[in-house]
Amino acid sequence: MSLLKAYPIQGQKQYINIAAGDSYSSLIQRWDNEGKIHLPLLLKLYQRLVINDSLKAGVYEVYQGTAVKDVLLMLSDANNAQMNRILVIEGTTFKQLKQQLVQDSNVKKTLLHLSNNELLNALAIPYTHPEGLFAPDTYFFAKAETDKTILKRLYERQQKDLDQAWQNRAKNLPYANPYDALIMASIIEKETSLDRELTQVSGVFVRRLQQGMRLQTDPTVIYGMGDAYQGNIRKQDLRTPTPYNTYTQAGLPPTPIALPSRKAIEAAMHPDNSNNLYFVATGNGGHTFSVTYAQHQQAVERYLTTLRAKGN
């Protein structure tokens, strides 16, 4: 019987990683596809009748000879996890990261109650604003690890990536220092989710800075609006000055606007070599890049036509 058979592992023990949002159904199906189990329907039935609970994210240690049914049961209790998995998504703001750590019961809270300035001082981080300073990625920590240790590791990783990219940057970039590049990387991160567009978006913004044009990027406006942003930007918002409104302010905003990935940092350091100065969404995924304003206006009209065709 599949439930009573030992979960197949190599060696004396093996780790099973359960990500946030994973389900028993998908896990059992994955095991079946990998040939680790038989009769997946029986396992799913056992889970529903006996366990009647959800998977808990974490890293679990399974020893040789452990029955499949016992593994399934173990994965429903986060107390059995050997390590805590923390996923920091690129483009997340520091406020969102902080809230994520607050809500994680496996994180020992020691400084999340502090103000941003107090928190940075406690971490010995020589900046006045925390945005953008922590690297998005998947991390594994021992259960009950402190928020201080977690944030310190994320910060050190971001600084390492930023320093390496800065050392290998392209020539003649409009950045006074690596922090300027980090600001740019955060804007690039928020403007596109497509890897192939990262250097193109970077190129547009770099050329705009070099030519004295304003960046005019909506994500900076949204960041500057803070809690006043309710999902839509109005013309009035574009005209209302804030330190982050790149429609009213020249140059880069004063700080990053999100946590940029390593790919976005690399793109900020290596913009494309085109002459594009504009881009707009296509309405079907991705963006249309243009050299002239006239071409850009045509691309905007095509975007609006696409939206109207979709009933938006």
C-alpha atoms as a PDB file:
ATOM      1  CA  MET A   1       0.000   0.000   0.000  1.00  0.00           C
ATOM      2  CA  SER A   2       1.467   3.350  -1.072  1.00  0.00           C
ATOM      3  CA  LEU A   3       0.616   5.050   2.223  1.00  0.00           C
ATOM      4  CA  LEU A   4       2.622   2.571   4.268  1.00  0.00           C
ATOM      5  CA  LYS A   5       5.652   2.430   1.980  1.00  0.00           C
ATOM      6  CA  ALA A   6       8.747   4.377   2.941  1.00  0.00           C
ATOM      7  CA  TYR A   7       9.183   7.764   1.278  1.00  0.00           C
ATOM      8  CA  PRO A   8      12.088   7.256  -1.163  1.00  0.00           C
ATOM      9  CA  ILE A   9      15.234   9.161  -0.242  1.00  0.00           C
ATOM     10  CA  GLN A  10      18.920   8.870  -1.015  1.00  0.00           C
ATOM     11  CA  GLY A  11      21.142   8.532   2.020  1.00  0.00           C
ATOM     12  CA  GLN A  12      20.030   8.738   5.620  1.00  0.00           C
ATOM     13  CA  LYS A  13      17.904  11.865   5.320  1.00  0.00           C
ATOM     14  CA  GLN A  14      16.551  14.347   2.819  1.00  0.00           C
ATOM     15  CA  TYR A  15      14.975  17.796   2.955  1.00  0.00           C
ATOM     16  CA  ILE A  16      11.555  18.599   1.497  1.00  0.00           C
ATOM     17  CA  ASN A  17      10.926  22.248   0.662  1.00  0.00           C
ATOM     18  CA  ILE A  18       7.322  23.439   0.889  1.00  0.00           C
ATOM     19  CA  ALA A  19       6.720  26.874  -0.599  1.00  0.00           C
ATOM     20  CA  ALA A  20       4.042  29.269   0.563  1.00  0.00           C
ATOM     21  CA  GLY A  21       0.853  28.488  -1.373  1.00  0.00           C
ATOM     22  CA  ASP A  22       1.775  24.874  -2.184  1.00  0.00           C
ATOM     23  CA  SER A  23      -1.119  22.440  -1.842  1.00  0.00           C
ATOM     24  CA  TYR A  24      -1.302  18.758  -0.953  1.00  0.00           C
ATOM     25  CA  SER A  25      -2.886  18.063  -4.331  1.00  0.00           C
ATOM     26  CA  SER A  26      -0.015  19.635  -6.281  1.00  0.00           C
ATOM     27  CA  LEU A  27       2.598  18.029  -4.027  1.00  0.00           C
ATOM     28  CA  ILE A  28       1.136  14.534  -4.405  1.00  0.00           C
ATOM     29  CA  GLN A  29       0.868  15.022  -8.159  1.00  0.00           C
ATOM     30  CA  ARG A  30       4.512  16.103  -8.285  1.00  0.00           C
ATOM     31  CA  TRP A  31       5.569  13.030  -6.329  1.00  0.00           C
ATOM     32  CA  ASP A  32       3.586  10.865  -8.737  1.00  0.00           C
ATOM     33  CA  ASN A  33       5.184  12.523 -11.784  1.00  0.00           C
ATOM     34  CA  GLU A  34       8.623  11.941 -10.235  1.00  0.00           C
ATOM     35  CA  GLY A  35       7.828   8.268  -9.638  1.00  0.00           C
ATOM     36  CA  LYS A  36       8.162   8.547  -5.870  1.00  0.00           C
ATOM     37  CA  ILE A  37       4.684   7.211  -5.097  1.00  0.00           C
ATOM     38  CA  HIS A  38       1.862   5.136  -6.543  1.00  0.00           C
ATOM     39  CA  LEU A  39      -1.911   5.521  -6.284  1.00  0.00           C
ATOM     40  CA  PRO A  40      -1.938   9.342  -5.892  1.00  0.00           C
ATOM     41  CA  LEU A  41      -5.739   9.356  -5.554  1.00  0.00           C
ATOM     42  CA  LEU A  42      -5.433   7.215  -2.432  1.00  0.00           C
ATOM     43  CA  LEU A  43      -2.964   9.661  -0.919  1.00  0.00           C
ATOM     44  CA  LYS A  44      -5.241  12.594  -1.695  1.00  0.00           C
ATOM     45  CA  LEU A  45      -8.167  10.784  -0.092  1.00  0.00           C
ATOM     46  CA  TYR A  46      -6.070  10.019   2.997  1.00  0.00           C
ATOM     47  CA  GLN A  47      -5.090  13.676   3.282  1.00  0.00           C
ATOM     48  CA  ARG A  48      -8.696  14.860   3.101  1.00  0.00           C
ATOM     49  CA  LEU A  49     -10.077  12.281   5.537  1.00  0.00           C
ATOM     50  CA  VAL A  50      -7.257  12.051   8.066  1.00  0.00           C
ATOM     51  CA  ILE A  51      -5.136  15.196   7.882  1.00  0.00           C
ATOM     52  CA  ASN A  52      -7.806  17.679   6.822  1.00  0.00           C
ATOM     53  CA  ASP A  53      -5.339  20.547   6.950  1.00  0.00           C
ATOM     54  CA  SER A  54      -3.127  22.532   4.588  1.00  0.00           C
ATOM     55  CA  LEU A  55       0.582  22.314   3.858  1.00  0.00           C
ATOM     56  CA  LYS A  56       2.739  24.635   5.939  1.00  0.00           C
ATOM     57  CA  ALA A  57       5.650  26.396   4.255  1.00  0.00           C
ATOM     58  CA  GLY A  58       9.104  25.454   5.456  1.00  0.00           C
ATOM     59  CA  VAL A  59      11.952  22.986   5.036  1.00  0.00           C
ATOM     60  CA  TYR A  60      11.317  19.532   6.515  1.00  0.00           C
ATOM     61  CA  GLU A  61      13.826  16.805   7.339  1.00  0.00           C
ATOM     62  CA  VAL A  62      12.729  13.271   6.332  1.00  0.00           C
ATOM     63  CA  TYR A  63      14.677  10.241   7.524  1.00  0.00           C
ATOM     64  CA  GLN A  64      15.113   6.990   5.639  1.00  0.00           C
ATOM     65  CA  GLY A  65      12.276   4.564   6.327  1.00  0.00           C
ATOM     66  CA  THR A  66       9.623   7.180   7.106  1.00  0.00           C
ATOM     67  CA  ALA A  67       6.236   6.109   5.722  1.00  0.00           C
ATOM     68  CA  VAL A  68       4.605   8.284   3.086  1.00  0.00           C
ATOM     69  CA  LYS A  69       1.567   8.823   5.328  1.00  0.00           C
ATOM     70  CA  ASP A  70       3.806  10.113   8.118  1.00  0.00           C
ATOM     71  CA  VAL A  71       5.535  12.499   5.745  1.00  0.00           C
ATOM     72  CA  LEU A  72       2.168  13.866   4.647  1.00  0.00           C
ATOM     73  CA  LEU A  73       1.128  14.368   8.254  1.00  0.00           C
ATOM     74  CA  MET A  74       4.422  16.014   9.187  1.00  0.00           C
ATOM     75  CA  LEU A  75       4.044  18.609   6.421  1.00  0.00           C
ATOM     76  CA  SER A  76       0.793  19.926   7.949  1.00  0.00           C
ATOM     77  CA  ASP A  77       2.530  21.231  11.077  1.00  0.00           C
ATOM     78  CA  ALA A  78       5.002  24.101  10.751  1.00  0.00           C
ATOM     79  CA  ASN A  79       6.473  23.106  14.109  1.00  0.00           C
ATOM     80  CA  ASN A  80       8.029  20.134  12.320  1.00  0.00           C
ATOM     81  CA  ALA A  81       9.910  22.376   9.908  1.00  0.00           C
ATOM     82  CA  GLN A  82      13.665  22.543  10.371  1.00  0.00           C
ATOM     83  CA  MET A  83      13.959  25.846   8.572  1.00  0.00           C
ATOM     84  CA  ASN A  84      11.726  28.745   7.672  1.00  0.00           C
ATOM     85  CA  ARG A  85      11.382  29.752   4.034  1.00  0.00           C
ATOM     86  CA  ILE A  86      11.043  33.477   3.358  1.00  0.00           C
ATOM     87  CA  LEU A  87      10.210  34.636  -0.164  1.00  0.00           C
ATOM     88  CA  VAL A  88      10.948  38.299  -0.851  1.00  0.00           C
ATOM     89  CA  ILE A  89       9.416  39.173  -4.200  1.00  0.00           C
ATOM     90  CA  GLU A  90      11.176  41.643  -6.496  1.00  0.00           C
ATOM     91  CA  GLY A  91       9.331  44.946  -6.636  1.00  0.00           C
ATOM     92  CA  THR A  92       8.108  44.531  -3.061  1.00  0.00           C
ATOM     93  CA  THR A  93       8.358  47.709  -1.015  1.00  0.00           C
ATOM     94  CA  PHE A  94      10.166  47.776   2.313  1.00  0.00           C
ATOM     95  CA  LYS A  95       6.830  48.428   4.009  1.00  0.00           C
ATOM     96  CA  GLN A  96       5.487  45.193   2.511  1.00  0.00           C
ATOM     97  CA  LEU A  97       8.617  43.261   3.496  1.00  0.00           C
ATOM     98  CA  LYS A  98       8.362  44.544   7.051  1.00  0.00           C
ATOM     99  CA  GLN A  99       4.713  43.506   7.248  1.00  0.00           C
ATOM    100  CA  GLN A 100       5.608  40.075   5.863  1.00  0.00           C
ATOM    101  CA  LEU A 101       8.117  39.552   8.646  1.00  0.00           C
ATOM    102  CA  VAL A 102       5.660  40.817  11.250  1.00  0.00           C
ATOM    103  CA  GLN A 103       3.111  38.226  10.139  1.00  0.00           C
ATOM    104  CA  ASP A 104       5.605  35.332  10.009  1.00  0.00           C
ATOM    105  CA  SER A 105       5.190  33.404  13.253  1.00  0.00           C
ATOM    106  CA  ASN A 106       8.598  31.747  12.756  1.00  0.00           C
ATOM    107  CA  VAL A 107      10.453  35.074  12.925  1.00  0.00           C
ATOM    108  CA  LYS A 108      11.546  36.365  16.317  1.00  0.00           C
ATOM    109  CA  LYS A 109      10.665  40.063  16.439  1.00  0.00           C
ATOM    110  CA  THR A 110      13.289  42.332  17.954  1.00  0.00           C
ATOM    111  CA  LEU A 111      13.233  45.538  15.907  1.00  0.00           C
ATOM    112  CA  LEU A 112      10.231  45.529  13.567  1.00  0.00           C
ATOM    113  CA  HIS A 113       8.414  47.820  16.002  1.00  0.00           C
ATOM    114  CA  LEU A 114      11.030  50.526  15.476  1.00  0.00           C
ATOM    115  CA  SER A 115      10.755  53.489  13.139  1.00  0.00           C
ATOM    116  CA  ASN A 116      12.650  53.208   9.870  1.00  0.00           C
ATOM    117  CA  ASN A 117      15.473  55.427  11.147  1.00  0.00           C
ATOM    118  CA  GLU A 118      15.743  53.478  14.392  1.00  0.00           C
ATOM    119  CA  LEU A 119      15.690  50.204  12.496  1.00  0.00           C
ATOM    120  CA  LEU A 120      18.512  51.284  10.188  1.00  0.00           C
ATOM    121  CA  ASN A 121      20.559  52.420  13.176  1.00  0.00           C
ATOM    122  CA  ALA A 122      19.980  49.098  14.920  1.00  0.00           C
ATOM    123  CA  LEU A 123      21.246  47.314  11.811  1.00  0.00           C
ATOM    124  CA  ALA A 124      24.229  49.697  11.478  1.00  0.00           C
ATOM    125  CA  ILE A 125      23.120  50.544   7.932  1.00  0.00           C
ATOM    126  CA  PRO A 126      24.500  53.933   6.823  1.00  0.00           C
ATOM    127  CA  TYR A 127      21.427  55.161   4.951  1.00  0.00           C
ATOM    128  CA  THR A 128      18.516  57.369   5.982  1.00  0.00           C
ATOM    129  CA  HIS A 129      15.799  55.448   4.105  1.00  0.00           C
ATOM    130  CA  PRO A 130      15.374  51.638   3.960  1.00  0.00           C
ATOM    131  CA  GLU A 131      13.728  51.360   0.550  1.00  0.00           C
ATOM    132  CA  GLY A 132      15.636  49.294  -2.003  1.00  0.00           C
ATOM    133  CA  LEU A 133      18.385  48.217   0.395  1.00  0.00           C
ATOM    134  CA  PHE A 134      17.258  44.588   0.822  1.00  0.00           C
ATOM    135  CA  ALA A 135      17.661  41.958  -1.880  1.00  0.00           C
ATOM    136  CA  PRO A 136      14.562  40.090  -3.078  1.00  0.00           C
ATOM    137  CA  ASP A 137      15.091  36.326  -3.261  1.00  0.00           C
ATOM    138  CA  THR A 138      14.164  33.084  -1.533  1.00  0.00           C
ATOM    139  CA  TYR A 139      15.899  32.659   1.807  1.00  0.00           C
ATOM    140  CA  PHE A 140      16.034  29.872   4.354  1.00  0.00           C
ATOM    141  CA  PHE A 141      16.537  30.593   8.042  1.00  0.00           C
ATOM    142  CA  ALA A 142      16.428  28.559  11.200  1.00  0.00           C
ATOM    143  CA  LYS A 143      13.066  28.749  12.911  1.00  0.00           C
ATOM    144  CA  ALA A 144      12.862  31.543  15.489  1.00  0.00           C
ATOM    145  CA  GLU A 145      15.614  33.458  13.681  1.00  0.00           C
ATOM    146  CA  THR A 146      15.558  37.140  14.576  1.00  0.00           C
ATOM    147  CA  ASP A 147      14.310  39.836  12.234  1.00  0.00           C
ATOM    148  CA  LYS A 148      17.667  41.559  12.732  1.00  0.00           C
ATOM    149  CA  THR A 149      19.615  38.602  11.335  1.00  0.00           C
ATOM    150  CA  ILE A 150      17.223  38.225   8.410  1.00  0.00           C
ATOM    151  CA  LEU A 151      17.306  41.877   7.411  1.00  0.00           C
ATOM    152  CA  LYS A 152      21.074  42.038   7.845  1.00  0.00           C
ATOM    153  CA  ARG A 153      21.498  39.144   5.441  1.00  0.00           C
ATOM    154  CA  LEU A 154      19.159  40.678   2.872  1.00  0.00           C
ATOM    155  CA  TYR A 155      21.005  43.984   3.128  1.00  0.00           C
ATOM    156  CA  GLU A 156      24.451  42.424   2.758  1.00  0.00           C
ATOM    157  CA  ARG A 157      23.279  40.489  -0.301  1.00  0.00           C
ATOM    158  CA  GLN A 158      21.918  43.647  -1.939  1.00  0.00           C
ATOM    159  CA  GLN A 159      25.110  45.579  -1.236  1.00  0.00           C
ATOM    160  CA  LYS A 160      27.222  42.785  -2.689  1.00  0.00           C
ATOM    161  CA  ASP A 161      25.142  42.647  -5.890  1.00  0.00           C
ATOM    162  CA  LEU A 162      25.165  46.433  -6.187  1.00  0.00           C
ATOM    163  CA  ASP A 163      28.914  46.739  -5.641  1.00  0.00           C
ATOM    164  CA  GLN A 164      29.712  44.008  -8.175  1.00  0.00           C
ATOM    165  CA  ALA A 165      27.422  45.550 -10.794  1.00  0.00           C
ATOM    166  CA  TRP A 166      28.904  49.008 -10.156  1.00  0.00           C
ATOM    167  CA  GLN A 167      32.446  47.733 -10.709  1.00  0.00           C
ATOM    168  CA  ASN A 168      31.419  46.294 -14.089  1.00  0.00           C
ATOM    169  CA  ARG A 169      29.070  49.079 -15.210  1.00  0.00           C
ATOM    170  CA  ALA A 170      28.969  50.566 -18.671  1.00  0.00           C
ATOM    171  CA  LYS A 171      30.717  53.864 -19.316  1.00  0.00           C
ATOM    172  CA  ASN A 172      29.183  57.344 -19.212  1.00  0.00           C
ATOM    173  CA  LEU A 173      26.163  56.517 -17.065  1.00  0.00           C
ATOM    174  CA  PRO A 174      24.309  59.451 -15.459  1.00  0.00           C
ATOM    175  CA  TYR A 175      24.798  58.154 -11.900  1.00  0.00           C
ATOM    176  CA  ALA A 176      26.862  59.956  -9.277  1.00  0.00           C
ATOM    177  CA  ASN A 177      27.212  56.808  -7.178  1.00  0.00           C
ATOM    178  CA  PRO A 178      25.893  53.231  -6.769  1.00  0.00           C
ATOM    179  CA  TYR A 179      22.877  54.488  -4.823  1.00  0.00           C
ATOM    180  CA  ASP A 180      21.699  56.427  -7.892  1.00  0.00           C
ATOM    181  CA  ALA A 181      21.915  53.192  -9.864  1.00  0.00           C
ATOM    182  CA  LEU A 182      19.907  51.422  -7.168  1.00  0.00           C
ATOM    183  CA  ILE A 183      17.195  54.068  -7.490  1.00  0.00           C
ATOM    184  CA  MET A 184      17.127  53.536 -11.240  1.00  0.00           C
ATOM    185  CA  ALA A 185      17.006  49.752 -10.794  1.00  0.00           C
ATOM    186  CA  SER A 186      13.937  50.060  -8.575  1.00  0.00           C
ATOM    187  CA  ILE A 187      12.131  52.086 -11.238  1.00  0.00           C
ATOM    188  CA  ILE A 188      13.056  49.568 -13.936  1.00  0.00           C
ATOM    189  CA  GLU A 189      11.786  46.772 -11.675  1.00  0.00           C
ATOM    190  CA  LYS A 190       8.382  48.438 -11.330  1.00  0.00           C
ATOM    191  CA  GLU A 191       8.051  49.304 -15.020  1.00  0.00           C
ATOM    192  CA  THR A 192       8.342  45.825 -16.524  1.00  0.00           C
ATOM    193  CA  SER A 193       8.039  42.215 -15.463  1.00  0.00           C
ATOM    194  CA  LEU A 194       9.665  40.938 -18.657  1.00  0.00           C
ATOM    195  CA  ASP A 195      13.374  40.160 -18.477  1.00  0.00           C
ATOM    196  CA  ARG A 196      13.852  40.948 -22.154  1.00  0.00           C
ATOM    197  CA  GLU A 197      12.648  44.520 -21.585  1.00  0.00           C
ATOM    198  CA  LEU A 198      14.816  45.408 -18.605  1.00  0.00           C
ATOM    199  CA  THR A 199      17.721  46.875 -20.571  1.00  0.00           C
ATOM    200  CA  GLN A 200      15.316  48.619 -22.973  1.00  0.00           C
ATOM    201  CA  VAL A 201      13.513  50.379 -20.134  1.00  0.00           C
ATOM    202  CA  SER A 202      16.874  51.222 -18.609  1.00  0.00           C
ATOM    203  CA  GLY A 203      18.017  52.691 -21.910  1.00  0.00           C
ATOM    204  CA  VAL A 204      14.994  54.975 -22.176  1.00  0.00           C
ATOM    205  CA  PHE A 205      15.471  56.378 -18.674  1.00  0.00           C
ATOM    206  CA  VAL A 206      19.255  56.712 -18.956  1.00  0.00           C
ATOM    207  CA  ARG A 207      18.946  58.655 -22.216  1.00  0.00           C
ATOM    208  CA  ARG A 208      16.254  60.864 -20.684  1.00  0.00           C
ATOM    209  CA  LEU A 209      18.561  61.765 -17.815  1.00  0.00           C
ATOM    210  CA  GLN A 210      21.441  62.408 -20.202  1.00  0.00           C
ATOM    211  CA  GLN A 211      19.290  64.707 -22.341  1.00  0.00           C
ATOM    212  CA  GLY A 212      17.760  66.590 -19.413  1.00  0.00           C
ATOM    213  CA  MET A 213      14.283  65.123 -19.937  1.00  0.00           C
ATOM    214  CA  ARG A 214      12.079  64.226 -17.015  1.00  0.00           C
ATOM    215  CA  LEU A 215      11.617  60.526 -16.395  1.00  0.00           C
ATOM    216  CA  GLN A 216       7.802  60.787 -16.225  1.00  0.00           C
ATOM    217  CA  THR A 217       7.298  57.310 -14.829  1.00  0.00           C
ATOM    218  CA  ASP A 218       4.035  56.399 -13.094  1.00  0.00           C
ATOM    219  CA  PRO A 219       5.501  54.049 -10.425  1.00  0.00           C
ATOM    220  CA  THR A 220       7.371  56.975  -8.859  1.00  0.00           C
ATOM    221  CA  VAL A 221       4.143  58.964  -8.675  1.00  0.00           C
ATOM    222  CA  ILE A 222       2.390  56.023  -7.025  1.00  0.00           C
ATOM    223  CA  TYR A 223       5.169  55.660  -4.468  1.00  0.00           C
ATOM    224  CA  GLY A 224       5.021  59.343  -3.656  1.00  0.00           C
ATOM    225  CA  MET A 225       1.268  59.151  -3.135  1.00  0.00           C
ATOM    226  CA  GLY A 226       1.702  56.576  -0.366  1.00  0.00           C
ATOM    227  CA  ASP A 227      -1.563  55.416   1.169  1.00  0.00           C
ATOM    228  CA  ALA A 228      -3.480  57.963  -0.931  1.00  0.00           C
ATOM    229  CA  TYR A 229      -3.028  55.712  -3.957  1.00  0.00           C
ATOM    230  CA  GLN A 230      -6.192  53.668  -4.442  1.00  0.00           C
ATOM    231  CA  GLY A 231      -5.401  51.840  -7.666  1.00  0.00           C
ATOM    232  CA  ASN A 232      -5.728  54.627 -10.229  1.00  0.00           C
ATOM    233  CA  ILE A 233      -3.634  57.641 -11.185  1.00  0.00           C
ATOM    234  CA  ARG A 234      -5.540  60.778 -12.157  1.00  0.00           C
ATOM    235  CA  LYS A 235      -4.204  63.726 -14.140  1.00  0.00           C
ATOM    236  CA  GLN A 236      -4.332  65.684 -10.910  1.00  0.00           C
ATOM    237  CA  ASP A 237      -1.950  63.161  -9.330  1.00  0.00           C
ATOM    238  CA  LEU A 238       0.532  63.615 -12.160  1.00  0.00           C
ATOM    239  CA  ARG A 239       0.469  67.380 -11.585  1.00  0.00           C
ATOM    240  CA  THR A 240       0.724  67.259  -7.798  1.00  0.00           C
ATOM    241  CA  PRO A 241       4.362  67.716  -6.760  1.00  0.00           C
ATOM    242  CA  THR A 242       5.942  65.241  -4.378  1.00  0.00           C
ATOM    243  CA  PRO A 243       9.651  64.432  -4.037  1.00  0.00           C
ATOM    244  CA  TYR A 244       8.915  61.257  -6.041  1.00  0.00           C
ATOM    245  CA  ASN A 245       6.761  62.726  -8.815  1.00  0.00           C
ATOM    246  CA  THR A 246       9.035  62.501 -11.858  1.00  0.00           C
ATOM    247  CA  TYR A 247       6.464  64.374 -13.927  1.00  0.00           C
ATOM    248  CA  THR A 248       7.029  67.509 -11.834  1.00  0.00           C
ATOM    249  CA  GLN A 249      10.569  66.841 -10.574  1.00  0.00           C
ATOM    250  CA  ALA A 250      13.679  66.564 -12.727  1.00  0.00           C
ATOM    251  CA  GLY A 251      16.202  63.776 -12.303  1.00  0.00           C
ATOM    252  CA  LEU A 252      15.936  60.701 -10.120  1.00  0.00           C
ATOM    253  CA  PRO A 253      13.653  60.517  -7.082  1.00  0.00           C
ATOM    254  CA  PRO A 254      15.408  60.803  -3.701  1.00  0.00           C
ATOM    255  CA  THR A 255      15.336  57.075  -2.888  1.00  0.00           C
ATOM    256  CA  PRO A 256      14.474  53.773  -4.530  1.00  0.00           C
ATOM    257  CA  ILE A 257      10.760  53.015  -4.791  1.00  0.00           C
ATOM    258  CA  ALA A 258      10.953  49.225  -4.279  1.00  0.00           C
ATOM    259  CA  LEU A 259      13.339  46.339  -3.703  1.00  0.00           C
ATOM    260  CA  PRO A 260      15.017  45.742  -7.086  1.00  0.00           C
ATOM    261  CA  SER A 261      16.279  42.344  -8.201  1.00  0.00           C
ATOM    262  CA  ARG A 262      19.815  41.644  -9.300  1.00  0.00           C
ATOM    263  CA  LYS A 263      18.589  41.565 -12.909  1.00  0.00           C
ATOM    264  CA  ALA A 264      17.175  45.065 -12.578  1.00  0.00           C
ATOM    265  CA  ILE A 265      20.414  46.303 -11.003  1.00  0.00           C
ATOM    266  CA  GLU A 266      22.406  44.824 -13.886  1.00  0.00           C
ATOM    267  CA  ALA A 267      20.022  46.473 -16.365  1.00  0.00           C
ATOM    268  CA  ALA A 268      20.497  49.852 -14.680  1.00  0.00           C
ATOM    269  CA  MET A 269      24.256  49.438 -15.180  1.00  0.00           C
ATOM    270  CA  HIS A 270      23.945  48.202 -18.775  1.00  0.00           C
ATOM    271  CA  PRO A 271      21.217  50.066 -20.701  1.00  0.00           C
ATOM    272  CA  ASP A 272      20.557  49.109 -24.298  1.00  0.00           C
ATOM    273  CA  ASN A 273      22.223  50.973 -27.161  1.00  0.00           C
ATOM    274  CA  SER A 274      19.097  52.077 -29.023  1.00  0.00           C
ATOM    275  CA  ASN A 275      17.825  55.640 -29.440  1.00  0.00           C
ATOM    276  CA  ASN A 276      14.444  55.010 -27.816  1.00  0.00           C
ATOM    277  CA  LEU A 277      13.107  57.744 -25.548  1.00  0.00           C
ATOM    278  CA  TYR A 278       9.552  56.515 -25.007  1.00  0.00           C
ATOM    279  CA  PHE A 279       7.585  53.379 -24.252  1.00  0.00           C
ATOM    280  CA  VAL A 280       3.985  52.445 -23.593  1.00  0.00           C
ATOM    281  CA  ALA A 281       2.172  49.209 -22.798  1.00  0.00           C
ATOM    282  CA  THR A 282       0.828  47.216 -25.737  1.00  0.00           C
ATOM    283  CA  GLY A 283      -2.260  46.032 -23.892  1.00  0.00           C
ATOM    284  CA  ASN A 284      -1.319  42.445 -24.670  1.00  0.00           C
ATOM    285  CA  GLY A 285       1.765  42.157 -22.488  1.00  0.00           C
ATOM    286  CA  GLY A 286       5.018  44.020 -22.897  1.00  0.00           C
ATOM    287  CA  HIS A 287       5.691  47.493 -24.235  1.00  0.00           C
ATOM    288  CA  THR A 288       6.212  49.343 -27.501  1.00  0.00           C
ATOM    289  CA  PHE A 289       9.421  51.404 -27.558  1.00  0.00           C
ATOM    290  CA  SER A 290       9.750  54.502 -29.736  1.00  0.00           C
ATOM    291  CA  VAL A 291      12.456  56.964 -30.772  1.00  0.00           C
ATOM    292  CA  THR A 292      10.271  59.980 -31.520  1.00  0.00           C
ATOM    293  CA  TYR A 293       7.272  61.468 -29.752  1.00  0.00           C
ATOM    294  CA  ALA A 294       5.198  61.084 -32.925  1.00  0.00           C
ATOM    295  CA  GLN A 295       5.926  57.344 -32.977  1.00  0.00           C
ATOM    296  CA  HIS A 296       5.098  57.195 -29.295  1.00  0.00           C
ATOM    297  CA  GLN A 297       1.729  58.868 -29.871  1.00  0.00           C
ATOM    298  CA  GLN A 298       0.893  56.271 -32.496  1.00  0.00           C
ATOM    299  CA  ALA A 299       1.823  53.512 -30.057  1.00  0.00           C
ATOM    300  CA  VAL A 300      -0.403  55.112 -27.415  1.00  0.00           C
ATOM    301  CA  GLU A 301      -3.320  55.159 -29.865  1.00  0.00           C
ATOM    302  CA  ARG A 302      -2.792  51.465 -30.629  1.00  0.00           C
ATOM    303  CA  TYR A 303      -2.742  50.743 -26.897  1.00  0.00           C
ATOM    304  CA  LEU A 304      -5.991  52.639 -26.354  1.00  0.00           C
ATOM    305  CA  THR A 305      -7.589  50.859 -29.308  1.00  0.00           C
ATOM    306  CA  THR A 306      -6.589  47.519 -27.806  1.00  0.00           C
ATOM    307  CA  LEU A 307      -8.100  48.490 -24.465  1.00  0.00           C
ATOM    308  CA  ARG A 308     -11.345  49.590 -26.099  1.00  0.00           C
ATOM    309  CA  ALA A 309     -11.533  46.302 -27.996  1.00  0.00           C
ATOM    310  CA  LYS A 310     -11.240  44.474 -24.686  1.00  0.00           C
ATOM    311  CA  GLY A 311     -14.022  46.584 -23.210  1.00  0.00           C
ATOM    312  CA  ASN A 312     -11.799  48.481 -20.796  1.00  0.00           C
END
